[in-house]
Amino acid sequence: MTDFFKQMIEKTSDGIMYVSVDGTIQYWNRGCELIFGISAKQAIGENLDIIIPERHRERHWTGFNKTARTGESAYADKMLSVPALSASGEKLVIEFSMQMIEEGGEVVGFSSIVRNITEKRGK
């Protein structure tokens, strides 16, 4: 990755993350740190459950696993608004896009661009 793109990704206040197909966070930029209050060092290697409210986890993982298995999502190319959690347990509302990352025709993970819209939408 060129220095230009690296700076662009690292310095944005929008969260950019990459999660492997098993739900493990592999990349977490400064924007994610600002939104969730979780450092990259704390997030990388952890499961997405660190930001998913417990009551929404079953639904999330059902959809996540189906998309990983089939390579199809009703939410591709759309912005989704969902509840999330910060490190302190504060309830957030985030908006995110999801892109499937493939290698050899197989889904290997998902990248997302995340924005905190809590103040716009209310908690």
PDB file of N, CA and C in Angstrom:
ATOM      1  N   MET A   1       0.856  -1.165   0.000  1.00  0.00           N
ATOM      2  CA  MET A   1       0.000   0.000   0.000  1.00  0.00           C
ATOM      3  C   MET A   1       0.905   1.231   0.000  1.00  0.00           C
ATOM      4  N   THR A   2       0.583   2.172  -0.851  1.00  0.00           N
ATOM      5  CA  THR A   2       1.396   3.380  -0.911  1.00  0.00           C
ATOM      6  C   THR A   2       1.193   4.210   0.348  1.00  0.00           C
ATOM      7  N   ASP A   3       2.149   5.075   0.626  1.00  0.00           N
ATOM      8  CA  ASP A   3       2.055   5.942   1.793  1.00  0.00           C
ATOM      9  C   ASP A   3       0.804   6.813   1.732  1.00  0.00           C
ATOM     10  N   PHE A   4       0.457   7.288   0.546  1.00  0.00           N
ATOM     11  CA  PHE A   4      -0.737   8.127   0.374  1.00  0.00           C
ATOM     12  C   PHE A   4      -1.987   7.387   0.853  1.00  0.00           C
ATOM     13  N   PHE A   5      -2.195   6.177   0.353  1.00  0.00           N
ATOM     14  CA  PHE A   5      -3.381   5.412   0.729  1.00  0.00           C
ATOM     15  C   PHE A   5      -3.347   4.994   2.195  1.00  0.00           C
ATOM     16  N   LYS A   6      -2.181   4.657   2.683  1.00  0.00           N
ATOM     17  CA  LYS A   6      -2.056   4.294   4.091  1.00  0.00           C
ATOM     18  C   LYS A   6      -2.471   5.470   4.973  1.00  0.00           C
ATOM     19  N   GLN A   7      -1.982   6.678   4.648  1.00  0.00           N
ATOM     20  CA  GLN A   7      -2.363   7.857   5.425  1.00  0.00           C
ATOM     21  C   GLN A   7      -3.859   8.139   5.304  1.00  0.00           C
ATOM     22  N   MET A   8      -4.391   7.995   4.108  1.00  0.00           N
ATOM     23  CA  MET A   8      -5.812   8.252   3.892  1.00  0.00           C
ATOM     24  C   MET A   8      -6.666   7.324   4.768  1.00  0.00           C
ATOM     25  N   ILE A   9      -6.304   6.070   4.815  1.00  0.00           N
ATOM     26  CA  ILE A   9      -7.059   5.087   5.594  1.00  0.00           C
ATOM     27  C   ILE A   9      -6.857   5.300   7.094  1.00  0.00           C
ATOM     28  N   GLU A  10      -5.640   5.576   7.502  1.00  0.00           N
ATOM     29  CA  GLU A  10      -5.342   5.721   8.924  1.00  0.00           C
ATOM     30  C   GLU A  10      -5.851   7.029   9.526  1.00  0.00           C
ATOM     31  N   LYS A  11      -5.858   8.105   8.767  1.00  0.00           N
ATOM     32  CA  LYS A  11      -6.173   9.420   9.327  1.00  0.00           C
ATOM     33  C   LYS A  11      -7.652   9.797   9.275  1.00  0.00           C
ATOM     34  N   THR A  12      -8.467   9.041   8.562  1.00  0.00           N
ATOM     35  CA  THR A  12      -9.879   9.381   8.476  1.00  0.00           C
ATOM     36  C   THR A  12     -10.575   9.150   9.820  1.00  0.00           C
ATOM     37  N   SER A  13     -11.593   9.947  10.081  1.00  0.00           N
ATOM     38  CA  SER A  13     -12.367   9.739  11.312  1.00  0.00           C
ATOM     39  C   SER A  13     -13.449   8.679  11.106  1.00  0.00           C
ATOM     40  N   ASP A  14     -13.651   8.240   9.873  1.00  0.00           N
ATOM     41  CA  ASP A  14     -14.549   7.108   9.626  1.00  0.00           C
ATOM     42  C   ASP A  14     -13.806   5.830   9.999  1.00  0.00           C
ATOM     43  N   GLY A  15     -14.522   4.915  10.589  1.00  0.00           N
ATOM     44  CA  GLY A  15     -13.914   3.641  10.933  1.00  0.00           C
ATOM     45  C   GLY A  15     -13.754   2.775   9.701  1.00  0.00           C
ATOM     46  N   ILE A  16     -12.606   2.138   9.583  1.00  0.00           N
ATOM     47  CA  ILE A  16     -12.376   1.162   8.528  1.00  0.00           C
ATOM     48  C   ILE A  16     -11.839  -0.092   9.204  1.00  0.00           C
ATOM     49  N   MET A  17     -12.536  -1.188   8.963  1.00  0.00           N
ATOM     50  CA  MET A  17     -12.118  -2.450   9.578  1.00  0.00           C
ATOM     51  C   MET A  17     -12.174  -3.579   8.566  1.00  0.00           C
ATOM     52  N   TYR A  18     -11.416  -4.614   8.869  1.00  0.00           N
ATOM     53  CA  TYR A  18     -11.463  -5.854   8.103  1.00  0.00           C
ATOM     54  C   TYR A  18     -11.638  -6.986   9.105  1.00  0.00           C
ATOM     55  N   VAL A  19     -12.599  -7.862   8.797  1.00  0.00           N
ATOM     56  CA  VAL A  19     -12.909  -8.999   9.663  1.00  0.00           C
ATOM     57  C   VAL A  19     -12.816 -10.267   8.829  1.00  0.00           C
ATOM     58  N   SER A  20     -12.065 -11.241   9.307  1.00  0.00           N
ATOM     59  CA  SER A  20     -11.951 -12.504   8.573  1.00  0.00           C
ATOM     60  C   SER A  20     -13.272 -13.265   8.646  1.00  0.00           C
ATOM     61  N   VAL A  21     -13.384 -14.273   7.821  1.00  0.00           N
ATOM     62  CA  VAL A  21     -14.633 -15.018   7.683  1.00  0.00           C
ATOM     63  C   VAL A  21     -15.076 -15.690   8.990  1.00  0.00           C
ATOM     64  N   ASP A  22     -14.168 -15.864   9.930  1.00  0.00           N
ATOM     65  CA  ASP A  22     -14.550 -16.443  11.223  1.00  0.00           C
ATOM     66  C   ASP A  22     -14.971 -15.378  12.234  1.00  0.00           C
ATOM     67  N   GLY A  23     -15.025 -14.102  11.813  1.00  0.00           N
ATOM     68  CA  GLY A  23     -15.494 -13.027  12.690  1.00  0.00           C
ATOM     69  C   GLY A  23     -14.409 -12.364  13.512  1.00  0.00           C
ATOM     70  N   THR A  24     -13.145 -12.681  13.211  1.00  0.00           N
ATOM     71  CA  THR A  24     -12.023 -12.106  13.949  1.00  0.00           C
ATOM     72  C   THR A  24     -11.586 -10.799  13.303  1.00  0.00           C
ATOM     73  N   ILE A  25     -11.435  -9.765  14.112  1.00  0.00           N
ATOM     74  CA  ILE A  25     -10.994  -8.468  13.619  1.00  0.00           C
ATOM     75  C   ILE A  25      -9.521  -8.564  13.239  1.00  0.00           C
ATOM     76  N   GLN A  26      -9.224  -8.203  11.988  1.00  0.00           N
ATOM     77  CA  GLN A  26      -7.860  -8.264  11.472  1.00  0.00           C
ATOM     78  C   GLN A  26      -7.257  -6.882  11.245  1.00  0.00           C
ATOM     79  N   TYR A  27      -8.102  -5.891  11.005  1.00  0.00           N
ATOM     80  CA  TYR A  27      -7.633  -4.519  10.791  1.00  0.00           C
ATOM     81  C   TYR A  27      -8.626  -3.574  11.445  1.00  0.00           C
ATOM     82  N   TRP A  28      -8.101  -2.504  12.078  1.00  0.00           N
ATOM     83  CA  TRP A  28      -8.915  -1.573  12.866  1.00  0.00           C
ATOM     84  C   TRP A  28      -8.200  -0.238  12.821  1.00  0.00           C
ATOM     85  N   ASN A  29      -8.754   0.734  12.139  1.00  0.00           N
ATOM     86  CA  ASN A  29      -8.042   2.005  11.978  1.00  0.00           C
ATOM     87  C   ASN A  29      -8.340   2.985  13.115  1.00  0.00           C
ATOM     88  N   ARG A  30      -7.722   4.162  13.033  1.00  0.00           N
ATOM     89  CA  ARG A  30      -7.899   5.220  14.025  1.00  0.00           C
ATOM     90  C   ARG A  30      -9.372   5.618  14.154  1.00  0.00           C
ATOM     91  N   GLY A  31     -10.105   5.651  13.036  1.00  0.00           N
ATOM     92  CA  GLY A  31     -11.525   5.984  13.079  1.00  0.00           C
ATOM     93  C   GLY A  31     -12.306   5.015  13.948  1.00  0.00           C
ATOM     94  N   CYS A  32     -11.996   3.720  13.864  1.00  0.00           N
ATOM     95  CA  CYS A  32     -12.641   2.723  14.733  1.00  0.00           C
ATOM     96  C   CYS A  32     -12.295   2.991  16.192  1.00  0.00           C
ATOM     97  N   GLU A  33     -11.047   3.369  16.434  1.00  0.00           N
ATOM     98  CA  GLU A  33     -10.636   3.696  17.802  1.00  0.00           C
ATOM     99  C   GLU A  33     -11.470   4.852  18.346  1.00  0.00           C
ATOM    100  N   LEU A  34     -11.683   5.883  17.527  1.00  0.00           N
ATOM    101  CA  LEU A  34     -12.460   7.045  17.949  1.00  0.00           C
ATOM    102  C   LEU A  34     -13.927   6.687  18.183  1.00  0.00           C
ATOM    103  N   ILE A  35     -14.495   5.908  17.301  1.00  0.00           N
ATOM    104  CA  ILE A  35     -15.917   5.547  17.403  1.00  0.00           C
ATOM    105  C   ILE A  35     -16.190   4.640  18.592  1.00  0.00           C
ATOM    106  N   PHE A  36     -15.399   3.594  18.753  1.00  0.00           N
ATOM    107  CA  PHE A  36     -15.698   2.567  19.745  1.00  0.00           C
ATOM    108  C   PHE A  36     -14.903   2.703  21.044  1.00  0.00           C
ATOM    109  N   GLY A  37     -13.863   3.545  21.043  1.00  0.00           N
ATOM    110  CA  GLY A  37     -13.046   3.677  22.247  1.00  0.00           C
ATOM    111  C   GLY A  37     -12.206   2.445  22.526  1.00  0.00           C
ATOM    112  N   ILE A  38     -11.897   1.700  21.487  1.00  0.00           N
ATOM    113  CA  ILE A  38     -11.107   0.472  21.595  1.00  0.00           C
ATOM    114  C   ILE A  38      -9.894   0.640  20.690  1.00  0.00           C
ATOM    115  N   SER A  39      -8.704   0.484  21.228  1.00  0.00           N
ATOM    116  CA  SER A  39      -7.499   0.647  20.421  1.00  0.00           C
ATOM    117  C   SER A  39      -7.356  -0.514  19.435  1.00  0.00           C
ATOM    118  N   ALA A  40      -6.588  -0.282  18.378  1.00  0.00           N
ATOM    119  CA  ALA A  40      -6.313  -1.346  17.418  1.00  0.00           C
ATOM    120  C   ALA A  40      -5.655  -2.528  18.118  1.00  0.00           C
ATOM    121  N   LYS A  41      -4.753  -2.241  19.038  1.00  0.00           N
ATOM    122  CA  LYS A  41      -4.060  -3.303  19.769  1.00  0.00           C
ATOM    123  C   LYS A  41      -5.055  -4.175  20.546  1.00  0.00           C
ATOM    124  N   GLN A  42      -6.083  -3.545  21.111  1.00  0.00           N
ATOM    125  CA  GLN A  42      -7.103  -4.287  21.857  1.00  0.00           C
ATOM    126  C   GLN A  42      -8.059  -5.034  20.935  1.00  0.00           C
ATOM    127  N   ALA A  43      -8.358  -4.458  19.768  1.00  0.00           N
ATOM    128  CA  ALA A  43      -9.385  -5.017  18.885  1.00  0.00           C
ATOM    129  C   ALA A  43      -8.874  -6.145  17.998  1.00  0.00           C
ATOM    130  N   ILE A  44      -7.678  -5.978  17.447  1.00  0.00           N
ATOM    131  CA  ILE A  44      -7.173  -6.966  16.490  1.00  0.00           C
ATOM    132  C   ILE A  44      -6.986  -8.316  17.183  1.00  0.00           C
ATOM    133  N   GLY A  45      -7.574  -9.321  16.571  1.00  0.00           N
ATOM    134  CA  GLY A  45      -7.540 -10.673  17.142  1.00  0.00           C
ATOM    135  C   GLY A  45      -8.783 -11.007  17.945  1.00  0.00           C
ATOM    136  N   GLU A  46      -9.604 -10.001  18.210  1.00  0.00           N
ATOM    137  CA  GLU A  46     -10.848 -10.211  18.955  1.00  0.00           C
ATOM    138  C   GLU A  46     -12.007 -10.484  17.994  1.00  0.00           C
ATOM    139  N   ASN A  47     -13.048 -11.062  18.539  1.00  0.00           N
ATOM    140  CA  ASN A  47     -14.271 -11.329  17.806  1.00  0.00           C
ATOM    141  C   ASN A  47     -15.110 -10.056  17.746  1.00  0.00           C
ATOM    142  N   LEU A  48     -15.909  -9.899  16.695  1.00  0.00           N
ATOM    143  CA  LEU A  48     -16.771  -8.727  16.543  1.00  0.00           C
ATOM    144  C   LEU A  48     -17.746  -8.527  17.699  1.00  0.00           C
ATOM    145  N   ASP A  49     -17.944  -9.544  18.506  1.00  0.00           N
ATOM    146  CA  ASP A  49     -18.856  -9.412  19.647  1.00  0.00           C
ATOM    147  C   ASP A  49     -18.465  -8.266  20.576  1.00  0.00           C
ATOM    148  N   ILE A  50     -17.231  -7.773  20.488  1.00  0.00           N
ATOM    149  CA  ILE A  50     -16.829  -6.667  21.363  1.00  0.00           C
ATOM    150  C   ILE A  50     -17.592  -5.383  21.047  1.00  0.00           C
ATOM    151  N   ILE A  51     -18.227  -5.313  19.866  1.00  0.00           N
ATOM    152  CA  ILE A  51     -18.996  -4.108  19.516  1.00  0.00           C
ATOM    153  C   ILE A  51     -20.468  -4.409  19.223  1.00  0.00           C
ATOM    154  N   ILE A  52     -20.870  -5.676  19.289  1.00  0.00           N
ATOM    155  CA  ILE A  52     -22.256  -6.056  18.997  1.00  0.00           C
ATOM    156  C   ILE A  52     -23.013  -6.255  20.305  1.00  0.00           C
ATOM    157  N   PRO A  53     -24.121  -5.513  20.510  1.00  0.00           N
ATOM    158  CA  PRO A  53     -24.911  -5.738  21.722  1.00  0.00           C
ATOM    159  C   PRO A  53     -25.377  -7.189  21.804  1.00  0.00           C
ATOM    160  N   GLU A  54     -25.356  -7.732  22.986  1.00  0.00           N
ATOM    161  CA  GLU A  54     -25.648  -9.152  23.172  1.00  0.00           C
ATOM    162  C   GLU A  54     -26.968  -9.579  22.546  1.00  0.00           C
ATOM    163  N   ARG A  55     -27.999  -8.760  22.685  1.00  0.00           N
ATOM    164  CA  ARG A  55     -29.314  -9.164  22.164  1.00  0.00           C
ATOM    165  C   ARG A  55     -29.381  -9.189  20.639  1.00  0.00           C
ATOM    166  N   HIS A  56     -28.387  -8.646  19.963  1.00  0.00           N
ATOM    167  CA  HIS A  56     -28.357  -8.625  18.499  1.00  0.00           C
ATOM    168  C   HIS A  56     -27.376  -9.636  17.909  1.00  0.00           C
ATOM    169  N   ARG A  57     -26.645 -10.322  18.749  1.00  0.00           N
ATOM    170  CA  ARG A  57     -25.582 -11.212  18.256  1.00  0.00           C
ATOM    171  C   ARG A  57     -26.092 -12.384  17.438  1.00  0.00           C
ATOM    172  N   GLU A  58     -27.130 -13.042  17.897  1.00  0.00           N
ATOM    173  CA  GLU A  58     -27.624 -14.213  17.166  1.00  0.00           C
ATOM    174  C   GLU A  58     -28.038 -13.825  15.748  1.00  0.00           C
ATOM    175  N   ARG A  59     -28.784 -12.749  15.623  1.00  0.00           N
ATOM    176  CA  ARG A  59     -29.215 -12.295  14.301  1.00  0.00           C
ATOM    177  C   ARG A  59     -28.010 -11.902  13.437  1.00  0.00           C
ATOM    178  N   HIS A  60     -27.066 -11.183  14.046  1.00  0.00           N
ATOM    179  CA  HIS A  60     -25.861 -10.780  13.310  1.00  0.00           C
ATOM    180  C   HIS A  60     -25.125 -12.000  12.774  1.00  0.00           C
ATOM    181  N   TRP A  61     -24.832 -12.971  13.639  1.00  0.00           N
ATOM    182  CA  TRP A  61     -24.021 -14.114  13.229  1.00  0.00           C
ATOM    183  C   TRP A  61     -24.744 -15.007  12.234  1.00  0.00           C
ATOM    184  N   THR A  62     -26.070 -15.082  12.335  1.00  0.00           N
ATOM    185  CA  THR A  62     -26.825 -15.849  11.338  1.00  0.00           C
ATOM    186  C   THR A  62     -26.618 -15.241   9.956  1.00  0.00           C
ATOM    187  N   GLY A  63     -26.778 -13.938   9.839  1.00  0.00           N
ATOM    188  CA  GLY A  63     -26.582 -13.262   8.558  1.00  0.00           C
ATOM    189  C   GLY A  63     -25.134 -13.289   8.096  1.00  0.00           C
ATOM    190  N   PHE A  64     -24.215 -13.041   9.013  1.00  0.00           N
ATOM    191  CA  PHE A  64     -22.777 -13.041   8.704  1.00  0.00           C
ATOM    192  C   PHE A  64     -22.357 -14.390   8.136  1.00  0.00           C
ATOM    193  N   ASN A  65     -22.731 -15.463   8.829  1.00  0.00           N
ATOM    194  CA  ASN A  65     -22.332 -16.809   8.398  1.00  0.00           C
ATOM    195  C   ASN A  65     -22.987 -17.207   7.078  1.00  0.00           C
ATOM    196  N   LYS A  66     -24.240 -16.809   6.872  1.00  0.00           N
ATOM    197  CA  LYS A  66     -24.914 -17.100   5.606  1.00  0.00           C
ATOM    198  C   LYS A  66     -24.199 -16.381   4.454  1.00  0.00           C
ATOM    199  N   THR A  67     -23.860 -15.115   4.661  1.00  0.00           N
ATOM    200  CA  THR A  67     -23.168 -14.355   3.624  1.00  0.00           C
ATOM    201  C   THR A  67     -21.795 -14.958   3.349  1.00  0.00           C
ATOM    202  N   ALA A  68     -21.086 -15.348   4.389  1.00  0.00           N
ATOM    203  CA  ALA A  68     -19.769 -15.959   4.217  1.00  0.00           C
ATOM    204  C   ALA A  68     -19.873 -17.271   3.438  1.00  0.00           C
ATOM    205  N   ARG A  69     -20.910 -18.030   3.717  1.00  0.00           N
ATOM    206  CA  ARG A  69     -21.096 -19.329   3.076  1.00  0.00           C
ATOM    207  C   ARG A  69     -21.543 -19.199   1.617  1.00  0.00           C
ATOM    208  N   THR A  70     -22.466 -18.274   1.348  1.00  0.00           N
ATOM    209  CA  THR A  70     -23.065 -18.175   0.012  1.00  0.00           C
ATOM    210  C   THR A  70     -22.425 -17.115  -0.880  1.00  0.00           C
ATOM    211  N   GLY A  71     -21.757 -16.143  -0.261  1.00  0.00           N
ATOM    212  CA  GLY A  71     -21.197 -15.035  -1.033  1.00  0.00           C
ATOM    213  C   GLY A  71     -22.254 -14.058  -1.497  1.00  0.00           C
ATOM    214  N   GLU A  72     -23.444 -14.138  -0.915  1.00  0.00           N
ATOM    215  CA  GLU A  72     -24.547 -13.255  -1.291  1.00  0.00           C
ATOM    216  C   GLU A  72     -25.082 -12.534  -0.057  1.00  0.00           C
ATOM    217  N   SER A  73     -25.450 -11.273  -0.273  1.00  0.00           N
ATOM    218  CA  SER A  73     -26.018 -10.490   0.817  1.00  0.00           C
ATOM    219  C   SER A  73     -27.059  -9.533   0.269  1.00  0.00           C
ATOM    220  N   ALA A  74     -28.167  -9.433   0.958  1.00  0.00           N
ATOM    221  CA  ALA A  74     -29.201  -8.465   0.592  1.00  0.00           C
ATOM    222  C   ALA A  74     -28.733  -7.050   0.891  1.00  0.00           C
ATOM    223  N   TYR A  75     -27.645  -6.930   1.653  1.00  0.00           N
ATOM    224  CA  TYR A  75     -27.180  -5.613   2.083  1.00  0.00           C
ATOM    225  C   TYR A  75     -25.972  -5.104   1.305  1.00  0.00           C
ATOM    226  N   ALA A  76     -25.524  -5.850   0.321  1.00  0.00           N
ATOM    227  CA  ALA A  76     -24.378  -5.401  -0.471  1.00  0.00           C
ATOM    228  C   ALA A  76     -24.724  -4.078  -1.140  1.00  0.00           C
ATOM    229  N   ASP A  77     -23.772  -3.173  -1.172  1.00  0.00           N
ATOM    230  CA  ASP A  77     -23.926  -1.861  -1.797  1.00  0.00           C
ATOM    231  C   ASP A  77     -24.969  -0.978  -1.107  1.00  0.00           C
ATOM    232  N   LYS A  78     -25.224  -1.241   0.158  1.00  0.00           N
ATOM    233  CA  LYS A  78     -26.162  -0.423   0.929  1.00  0.00           C
ATOM    234  C   LYS A  78     -25.504  -0.010   2.236  1.00  0.00           C
ATOM    235  N   MET A  79     -25.974   1.090   2.785  1.00  0.00           N
ATOM    236  CA  MET A  79     -25.547   1.513   4.117  1.00  0.00           C
ATOM    237  C   MET A  79     -26.547   0.937   5.114  1.00  0.00           C
ATOM    238  N   LEU A  80     -26.039   0.312   6.144  1.00  0.00           N
ATOM    239  CA  LEU A  80     -26.879  -0.267   7.191  1.00  0.00           C
ATOM    240  C   LEU A  80     -26.740   0.553   8.459  1.00  0.00           C
ATOM    241  N   SER A  81     -27.828   0.736   9.167  1.00  0.00           N
ATOM    242  CA  SER A  81     -27.797   1.369  10.483  1.00  0.00           C
ATOM    243  C   SER A  81     -28.112   0.293  11.507  1.00  0.00           C
ATOM    244  N   VAL A  82     -27.225   0.144  12.485  1.00  0.00           N
ATOM    245  CA  VAL A  82     -27.400  -0.899  13.497  1.00  0.00           C
ATOM    246  C   VAL A  82     -26.931  -0.392  14.856  1.00  0.00           C
ATOM    247  N   PRO A  83     -27.416  -1.015  15.933  1.00  0.00           N
ATOM    248  CA  PRO A  83     -26.903  -0.687  17.254  1.00  0.00           C
ATOM    249  C   PRO A  83     -25.514  -1.282  17.440  1.00  0.00           C
ATOM    250  N   ALA A  84     -24.718  -0.617  18.252  1.00  0.00           N
ATOM    251  CA  ALA A  84     -23.372  -1.097  18.562  1.00  0.00           C
ATOM    252  C   ALA A  84     -23.030  -0.667  19.981  1.00  0.00           C
ATOM    253  N   LEU A  85     -21.874  -1.110  20.453  1.00  0.00           N
ATOM    254  CA  LEU A  85     -21.403  -0.783  21.802  1.00  0.00           C
ATOM    255  C   LEU A  85     -20.011  -0.188  21.757  1.00  0.00           C
ATOM    256  N   SER A  86     -19.779   0.762  22.645  1.00  0.00           N
ATOM    257  CA  SER A  86     -18.423   1.286  22.826  1.00  0.00           C
ATOM    258  C   SER A  86     -17.733   0.464  23.914  1.00  0.00           C
ATOM    259  N   ALA A  87     -16.459   0.737  24.124  1.00  0.00           N
ATOM    260  CA  ALA A  87     -15.695   0.033  25.154  1.00  0.00           C
ATOM    261  C   ALA A  87     -16.288   0.240  26.538  1.00  0.00           C
ATOM    262  N   SER A  88     -16.883   1.406  26.761  1.00  0.00           N
ATOM    263  CA  SER A  88     -17.462   1.717  28.073  1.00  0.00           C
ATOM    264  C   SER A  88     -18.860   1.138  28.253  1.00  0.00           C
ATOM    265  N   GLY A  89     -19.391   0.504  27.182  1.00  0.00           N
ATOM    266  CA  GLY A  89     -20.738  -0.050  27.249  1.00  0.00           C
ATOM    267  C   GLY A  89     -21.800   0.919  26.764  1.00  0.00           C
ATOM    268  N   GLU A  90     -21.371   2.107  26.330  1.00  0.00           N
ATOM    269  CA  GLU A  90     -22.316   3.098  25.802  1.00  0.00           C
ATOM    270  C   GLU A  90     -22.972   2.541  24.548  1.00  0.00           C
ATOM    271  N   LYS A  91     -24.286   2.744  24.452  1.00  0.00           N
ATOM    272  CA  LYS A  91     -25.008   2.312  23.262  1.00  0.00           C
ATOM    273  C   LYS A  91     -24.776   3.321  22.146  1.00  0.00           C
ATOM    274  N   LEU A  92     -24.417   2.806  20.978  1.00  0.00           N
ATOM    275  CA  LEU A  92     -24.170   3.620  19.798  1.00  0.00           C
ATOM    276  C   LEU A  92     -25.129   3.208  18.689  1.00  0.00           C
ATOM    277  N   VAL A  93     -25.299   4.090  17.736  1.00  0.00           N
ATOM    278  CA  VAL A  93     -25.944   3.737  16.472  1.00  0.00           C
ATOM    279  C   VAL A  93     -24.896   4.000  15.405  1.00  0.00           C
ATOM    280  N   ILE A  94     -24.569   2.967  14.651  1.00  0.00           N
ATOM    281  CA  ILE A  94     -23.567   3.121  13.597  1.00  0.00           C
ATOM    282  C   ILE A  94     -24.206   2.857  12.244  1.00  0.00           C
ATOM    283  N   GLU A  95     -23.611   3.453  11.245  1.00  0.00           N
ATOM    284  CA  GLU A  95     -23.985   3.214   9.863  1.00  0.00           C
ATOM    285  C   GLU A  95     -22.739   2.635   9.209  1.00  0.00           C
ATOM    286  N   PHE A  96     -22.920   1.573   8.416  1.00  0.00           N
ATOM    287  CA  PHE A  96     -21.741   0.984   7.795  1.00  0.00           C
ATOM    288  C   PHE A  96     -22.075   0.364   6.448  1.00  0.00           C
ATOM    289  N   SER A  97     -21.050   0.299   5.628  1.00  0.00           N
ATOM    290  CA  SER A  97     -21.136  -0.448   4.382  1.00  0.00           C
ATOM    291  C   SER A  97     -20.286  -1.699   4.565  1.00  0.00           C
ATOM    292  N   MET A  98     -20.636  -2.737   3.822  1.00  0.00           N
ATOM    293  CA  MET A  98     -19.912  -3.994   3.934  1.00  0.00           C
ATOM    294  C   MET A  98     -19.492  -4.456   2.551  1.00  0.00           C
ATOM    295  N   GLN A  99     -18.231  -4.825   2.425  1.00  0.00           N
ATOM    296  CA  GLN A  99     -17.723  -5.341   1.174  1.00  0.00           C
ATOM    297  C   GLN A  99     -17.153  -6.737   1.422  1.00  0.00           C
ATOM    298  N   MET A 100     -17.582  -7.690   0.603  1.00  0.00           N
ATOM    299  CA  MET A 100     -17.039  -9.045   0.709  1.00  0.00           C
ATOM    300  C   MET A 100     -15.660  -9.073   0.055  1.00  0.00           C
ATOM    301  N   ILE A 101     -14.706  -9.684   0.729  1.00  0.00           N
ATOM    302  CA  ILE A 101     -13.359  -9.839   0.202  1.00  0.00           C
ATOM    303  C   ILE A 101     -13.203 -11.319  -0.174  1.00  0.00           C
ATOM    304  N   GLU A 102     -12.828 -11.551  -1.424  1.00  0.00           N
ATOM    305  CA  GLU A 102     -12.732 -12.918  -1.927  1.00  0.00           C
ATOM    306  C   GLU A 102     -11.326 -13.244  -2.405  1.00  0.00           C
ATOM    307  N   GLU A 103     -10.978 -14.501  -2.271  1.00  0.00           N
ATOM    308  CA  GLU A 103      -9.748 -15.047  -2.840  1.00  0.00           C
ATOM    309  C   GLU A 103     -10.115 -16.374  -3.479  1.00  0.00           C
ATOM    310  N   GLY A 104      -9.775 -16.526  -4.737  1.00  0.00           N
ATOM    311  CA  GLY A 104     -10.080 -17.774  -5.431  1.00  0.00           C
ATOM    312  C   GLY A 104     -11.558 -18.103  -5.472  1.00  0.00           C
ATOM    313  N   GLY A 105     -12.397 -17.093  -5.527  1.00  0.00           N
ATOM    314  CA  GLY A 105     -13.839 -17.307  -5.580  1.00  0.00           C
ATOM    315  C   GLY A 105     -14.493 -17.601  -4.246  1.00  0.00           C
ATOM    316  N   GLU A 106     -13.715 -17.614  -3.169  1.00  0.00           N
ATOM    317  CA  GLU A 106     -14.243 -17.876  -1.830  1.00  0.00           C
ATOM    318  C   GLU A 106     -14.213 -16.600  -1.001  1.00  0.00           C
ATOM    319  N   VAL A 107     -15.260 -16.379  -0.219  1.00  0.00           N
ATOM    320  CA  VAL A 107     -15.283 -15.240   0.696  1.00  0.00           C
ATOM    321  C   VAL A 107     -14.310 -15.540   1.833  1.00  0.00           C
ATOM    322  N   VAL A 108     -13.352 -14.630   2.048  1.00  0.00           N
ATOM    323  CA  VAL A 108     -12.371 -14.815   3.120  1.00  0.00           C
ATOM    324  C   VAL A 108     -12.559 -13.798   4.246  1.00  0.00           C
ATOM    325  N   GLY A 109     -13.387 -12.790   3.992  1.00  0.00           N
ATOM    326  CA  GLY A 109     -13.628 -11.791   5.016  1.00  0.00           C
ATOM    327  C   GLY A 109     -14.467 -10.645   4.496  1.00  0.00           C
ATOM    328  N   PHE A 110     -14.583  -9.628   5.346  1.00  0.00           N
ATOM    329  CA  PHE A 110     -15.419  -8.483   5.032  1.00  0.00           C
ATOM    330  C   PHE A 110     -14.715  -7.209   5.480  1.00  0.00           C
ATOM    331  N   SER A 111     -14.748  -6.217   4.621  1.00  0.00           N
ATOM    332  CA  SER A 111     -14.282  -4.901   5.041  1.00  0.00           C
ATOM    333  C   SER A 111     -15.513  -4.027   5.242  1.00  0.00           C
ATOM    334  N   SER A 112     -15.391  -3.063   6.136  1.00  0.00           N
ATOM    335  CA  SER A 112     -16.496  -2.148   6.413  1.00  0.00           C
ATOM    336  C   SER A 112     -15.968  -0.756   6.649  1.00  0.00           C
ATOM    337  N   ILE A 113     -16.762   0.203   6.224  1.00  0.00           N
ATOM    338  CA  ILE A 113     -16.533   1.595   6.567  1.00  0.00           C
ATOM    339  C   ILE A 113     -17.667   1.979   7.492  1.00  0.00           C
ATOM    340  N   VAL A 114     -17.307   2.512   8.667  1.00  0.00           N
ATOM    341  CA  VAL A 114     -18.255   2.728   9.759  1.00  0.00           C
ATOM    342  C   VAL A 114     -18.300   4.202  10.135  1.00  0.00           C
ATOM    343  N   ARG A 115     -19.494   4.670  10.445  1.00  0.00           N
ATOM    344  CA  ARG A 115     -19.672   6.039  10.914  1.00  0.00           C
ATOM    345  C   ARG A 115     -20.614   6.020  12.119  1.00  0.00           C
ATOM    346  N   ASN A 116     -20.263   6.787  13.134  1.00  0.00           N
ATOM    347  CA  ASN A 116     -21.107   6.911  14.320  1.00  0.00           C
ATOM    348  C   ASN A 116     -22.206   7.932  14.033  1.00  0.00           C
ATOM    349  N   ILE A 117     -23.468   7.494  14.053  1.00  0.00           N
ATOM    350  CA  ILE A 117     -24.591   8.403  13.811  1.00  0.00           C
ATOM    351  C   ILE A 117     -25.496   8.499  15.032  1.00  0.00           C
ATOM    352  N   THR A 118     -24.954   8.177  16.185  1.00  0.00           N
ATOM    353  CA  THR A 118     -25.717   8.168  17.426  1.00  0.00           C
ATOM    354  C   THR A 118     -26.445   9.489  17.661  1.00  0.00           C
ATOM    355  N   GLU A 119     -25.740  10.589  17.529  1.00  0.00           N
ATOM    356  CA  GLU A 119     -26.355  11.887  17.802  1.00  0.00           C
ATOM    357  C   GLU A 119     -27.427  12.221  16.774  1.00  0.00           C
ATOM    358  N   LYS A 120     -27.270  11.815  15.542  1.00  0.00           N
ATOM    359  CA  LYS A 120     -28.279  12.046  14.512  1.00  0.00           C
ATOM    360  C   LYS A 120     -29.538  11.234  14.749  1.00  0.00           C
ATOM    361  N   ARG A 121     -29.359   9.974  15.123  1.00  0.00           N
ATOM    362  CA  ARG A 121     -30.479   9.034  15.223  1.00  0.00           C
ATOM    363  C   ARG A 121     -31.018   8.844  16.622  1.00  0.00           C
ATOM    364  N   GLY A 122     -30.279   9.241  17.614  1.00  0.00           N
ATOM    365  CA  GLY A 122     -30.682   8.964  18.989  1.00  0.00           C
ATOM    366  C   GLY A 122     -30.273   7.573  19.387  1.00  0.00           C
ATOM    367  N   LYS A 123     -30.226   7.334  20.666  1.00  0.00           N
ATOM    368  CA  LYS A 123     -29.789   6.031  21.170  1.00  0.00           C
ATOM    369  C   LYS A 123     -30.978   5.152  21.302  1.00  0.00           C
TER     370      LYS A 123
END
